[in-house]
Amino acid sequence: MGIDHRELTVFLNVARLGSVGAAADAMSLTQPALSRTLRRLEQHLGVTLFVRHSTGMELTTYGRSLLPHAELLANGLRRAVDEIDQLK
């Protein structure tokens, strides 16, 4: 099982912005598409990453555990792309 870039980006945006709606707006996606991607990530991992409230989303223990790793992966990918761009 692998976490793809889109799942990682969705997770990070929902974690940072605190809601599916805000993350969907920021990513120019529909809320249902974003929710499906988040559900797929949770199914891959076999855990619930967020507690869903009517006012937003809150990270679970699993989500809080994943967050720093997801940030490192996203930053590493960004640095790799920047390095490739500089080498061109």
Protein backbone atom coordinates (compact mmCIF):
# COMPACT_ATOMS: atom_id res chain seq x y z
CA MET A 1 0.00 0.00 0.00
CA GLY A 2 1.27 3.43 -0.84
CA ILE A 3 0.10 6.89 -0.01
CA ASP A 4 -0.09 8.94 -3.17
CA HIS A 5 0.75 12.62 -3.46
CA ARG A 6 -2.90 13.66 -3.81
CA GLU A 7 -3.91 11.85 -0.62
CA LEU A 8 -1.02 13.43 1.24
CA THR A 9 -1.90 16.90 -0.04
CA VAL A 10 -5.56 16.47 0.90
CA PHE A 11 -4.64 15.26 4.38
CA LEU A 12 -2.28 18.20 4.94
CA ASN A 13 -4.77 20.78 3.70
CA VAL A 14 -7.62 19.47 5.84
CA ALA A 15 -5.28 19.31 8.86
CA ARG A 16 -4.04 22.87 8.31
CA LEU A 17 -7.38 24.46 7.43
CA GLY A 18 -9.58 22.48 9.80
CA SER A 19 -12.40 21.67 7.40
CA VAL A 20 -13.16 19.82 4.20
CA GLY A 21 -14.87 22.89 2.76
CA ALA A 22 -11.89 25.18 3.32
CA ALA A 23 -9.47 22.59 1.97
CA ALA A 24 -11.67 21.96 -1.08
CA ASP A 25 -11.78 25.70 -1.81
CA ALA A 26 -8.00 26.03 -1.38
CA MET A 27 -7.37 23.10 -3.71
CA SER A 28 -10.08 24.00 -6.24
CA LEU A 29 -11.76 20.63 -5.71
CA THR A 30 -15.30 19.69 -4.84
CA GLN A 31 -16.00 18.68 -1.27
CA PRO A 32 -17.19 15.19 -2.33
CA ALA A 33 -13.97 14.59 -4.31
CA LEU A 34 -11.84 15.71 -1.38
CA SER A 35 -13.86 13.57 1.06
CA ARG A 36 -13.45 10.51 -1.19
CA THR A 37 -9.69 11.02 -1.32
CA LEU A 38 -9.51 11.39 2.46
CA ARG A 39 -11.65 8.28 2.97
CA ARG A 40 -9.40 6.32 0.60
CA LEU A 41 -6.34 7.33 2.65
CA GLU A 42 -8.06 6.29 5.87
CA GLN A 43 -9.03 2.96 4.30
CA HIS A 44 -5.45 2.37 3.13
CA LEU A 45 -4.14 3.05 6.62
CA GLY A 46 -7.00 1.27 8.39
CA VAL A 47 -7.55 4.14 10.82
CA THR A 48 -9.64 7.29 11.19
CA LEU A 49 -7.46 10.39 10.80
CA PHE A 50 -10.06 13.01 11.70
CA VAL A 51 -13.00 13.39 14.04
CA ARG A 52 -15.69 15.02 12.00
CA HIS A 53 -17.69 17.77 13.69
CA SER A 54 -20.40 19.98 12.26
CA THR A 55 -17.97 22.89 12.63
CA GLY A 56 -14.90 21.21 11.12
CA MET A 57 -12.36 18.44 11.43
CA GLU A 58 -10.08 17.55 14.31
CA LEU A 59 -7.08 15.25 14.04
CA THR A 60 -7.29 11.95 15.89
CA THR A 61 -4.28 10.43 17.61
CA TYR A 62 -3.52 8.68 14.33
CA GLY A 63 -3.81 11.92 12.39
CA ARG A 64 -1.53 13.74 14.82
CA SER A 65 0.97 10.91 14.42
CA LEU A 66 0.85 11.09 10.62
CA LEU A 67 1.07 14.90 10.41
CA PRO A 68 4.81 15.46 10.97
CA HIS A 69 5.67 12.59 8.59
CA ALA A 70 3.32 13.95 5.93
CA GLU A 71 4.88 17.39 6.29
CA LEU A 72 8.39 15.92 5.90
CA LEU A 73 7.34 13.99 2.81
CA ALA A 74 5.69 17.04 1.23
CA ASN A 75 8.71 19.24 2.00
CA GLY A 76 11.11 16.59 0.67
CA LEU A 77 9.16 16.29 -2.56
CA ARG A 78 9.09 20.07 -2.94
CA ARG A 79 12.87 20.25 -2.41
CA ALA A 80 13.45 17.44 -4.91
CA VAL A 81 11.37 19.20 -7.58
CA ASP A 82 13.21 22.48 -6.87
CA GLU A 83 16.57 20.72 -7.22
CA ILE A 84 15.54 19.11 -10.50
CA ASP A 85 14.33 22.50 -11.78
CA GLN A 86 17.70 24.05 -10.90
CA LEU A 87 19.57 21.28 -12.72
CA LYS A 88 17.61 21.78 -15.95
